[in-house]
Protein backbone atom coordinates (compact mmCIF):
# COMPACT_ATOMS: atom_id res chain seq x y z
CA UNK A 1 -18.69 -2.66 10.70
CA UNK A 2 -17.41 -1.34 7.49
CA UNK A 3 -14.92 0.90 6.47
CA UNK A 4 -13.51 2.51 3.39
CA UNK A 5 -10.35 4.55 2.24
CA UNK A 6 -8.83 5.67 -1.03
CA UNK A 7 -5.61 7.24 -2.19
CA UNK A 8 -4.47 8.48 -5.46
CA UNK A 9 -0.21 8.51 -5.16
CA UNK A 10 2.00 10.91 -7.51
CA UNK A 11 4.22 8.10 -9.64
CA UNK A 12 6.73 10.83 -10.69
CA UNK A 13 6.97 11.10 -7.08
CA UNK A 14 7.10 8.02 -5.82
CA UNK A 15 10.01 7.15 -8.66
CA UNK A 16 12.30 10.69 -7.34
CA UNK A 17 11.55 9.24 -3.65
CA UNK A 18 12.46 5.58 -4.40
CA UNK A 19 15.18 5.98 -5.73
CA UNK A 20 16.77 7.08 -1.27
CA UNK A 21 16.63 3.78 0.47
CA UNK A 22 16.17 5.40 3.45
CA UNK A 23 12.56 6.18 2.23
CA UNK A 24 12.26 2.74 0.89
CA UNK A 25 12.65 1.46 3.92
CA UNK A 26 10.97 3.81 6.18
CA UNK A 27 7.92 2.87 4.08
CA UNK A 28 8.10 -0.91 2.59
CA UNK A 29 8.72 -3.99 4.28
CA UNK A 30 11.22 -6.67 2.71
CA UNK A 31 9.04 -8.36 0.51
CA UNK A 32 7.76 -5.50 -1.00
CA UNK A 33 10.34 -4.16 -2.12
CA UNK A 34 11.82 -7.52 -3.00
CA UNK A 35 8.26 -7.26 -5.37
CA UNK A 36 8.71 -3.95 -6.60
CA UNK A 37 12.49 -3.92 -7.79
CA UNK A 38 11.84 -7.29 -10.07
CA UNK A 39 9.69 -4.93 -12.40
CA UNK A 40 11.52 -2.86 -14.99
CA UNK A 41 9.48 0.17 -13.68
CA UNK A 42 9.59 -0.56 -9.72
CA UNK A 43 8.37 3.02 -9.47
CA UNK A 44 5.27 2.37 -11.00
CA UNK A 45 4.97 -0.76 -8.00
CA UNK A 46 6.28 0.97 -5.59
CA UNK A 47 3.04 3.90 -5.74
CA UNK A 48 1.00 1.26 -5.84
CA UNK A 49 1.67 -0.45 -2.43
CA UNK A 50 2.06 2.87 -1.58
CA UNK A 51 -1.40 4.62 -2.35
CA UNK A 52 -2.56 0.48 -0.95
CA UNK A 53 -0.82 1.77 2.41
CA UNK A 54 -2.75 4.77 2.72
CA UNK A 55 -5.85 3.41 1.55
CA UNK A 56 -5.90 1.24 4.42
CA UNK A 57 -4.49 3.36 7.29
CA UNK A 58 -7.32 5.70 6.23
CA UNK A 59 -9.79 2.89 6.46
CA UNK A 60 -8.25 1.39 9.84
CA UNK A 61 -8.18 5.51 11.13
CA UNK A 62 -11.71 7.09 10.47
CA UNK A 63 -12.99 3.30 10.83
CA UNK A 64 -11.87 3.93 14.59
CA UNK A 65 -9.98 1.10 14.18
CA UNK A 66 -6.67 2.62 15.09
CA UNK A 67 -5.38 5.61 16.46
CA UNK A 68 -2.57 5.47 14.83
CA UNK A 69 -0.28 3.23 12.23
CA UNK A 70 2.88 3.24 10.82
CA UNK A 71 2.81 2.52 6.63
CA UNK A 72 5.13 -0.45 7.28
CA UNK A 73 2.27 -1.81 9.58
CA UNK A 74 0.09 -2.71 6.17
CA UNK A 75 1.96 -4.45 4.29
CA UNK A 76 0.68 -4.92 0.97
CA UNK A 77 1.16 -8.28 -1.06
CA UNK A 78 0.79 -10.22 -4.38
CA UNK A 79 -1.23 -13.97 -4.76
CA UNK A 80 0.40 -16.07 -7.31
CA UNK A 81 -2.00 -13.91 -9.68
CA UNK A 82 -0.59 -10.42 -8.44
CA UNK A 83 -3.62 -9.70 -7.37
CA UNK A 84 -3.22 -7.63 -3.86
CA UNK A 85 -3.64 -8.38 -0.34
CA UNK A 86 -2.95 -6.66 3.14
CA UNK A 87 -1.52 -7.89 6.27
CA UNK A 88 -2.10 -5.46 9.06
CA UNK A 89 0.42 -6.43 11.00
CA UNK A 90 -0.87 -5.82 14.94
CA UNK A 91 -3.94 -6.47 14.19
CA UNK A 92 -4.69 -9.86 11.93
CA UNK A 93 -8.39 -9.78 13.23
CA UNK A 94 -8.95 -7.24 10.74
CA UNK A 95 -10.37 -8.66 7.52
CA UNK A 96 -9.73 -6.11 4.46
CA UNK A 97 -10.50 -6.13 0.51
CA UNK A 98 -8.39 -4.35 -1.95
CA UNK A 99 -8.27 -3.04 -5.37
CA UNK A 100 -4.88 -1.07 -7.45
CA UNK A 101 -5.00 1.15 -10.73
CA UNK A 102 -2.36 2.61 -12.24
CA UNK A 103 -1.88 4.37 -15.55
CA UNK A 104 1.12 6.43 -16.70
CA UNK A 105 0.62 9.20 -14.01
CA UNK A 106 -0.75 8.47 -10.59
CA UNK A 107 -2.19 5.47 -9.12
CA UNK A 108 -4.80 4.82 -7.22
CA UNK A 109 -5.85 1.93 -4.41
CA UNK A 110 -9.57 1.58 -2.54
CA UNK A 111 -9.72 -0.56 0.78
CA UNK A 112 -12.77 -2.22 2.52
CA UNK A 113 -12.56 -3.59 5.35
CA UNK A 114 -16.02 -5.23 6.70
């Protein structure tokens, strides 16, 4: 089965929300927060990860792979070359490919479940 998801997120929206630790703890894992906070503009990276989580969630739901899943169970990590990959906690048998991009105003992500 192949399923696709996409999402676009306002970087300024995530910047405003990421000031609140409660928001960060609800959406992101410890590893994601640690990764994003290494950068001088962490909100850009939080935005990319947020768009990726939403894209993966949409692919899971539209492909009828999951009925519901919290964004925190979708973990967006990075390889040593900084390319993203997905860990879906509770759905270990799923293979998901991911692409994330961002510019000044928006972050966008595409997820492909194969």
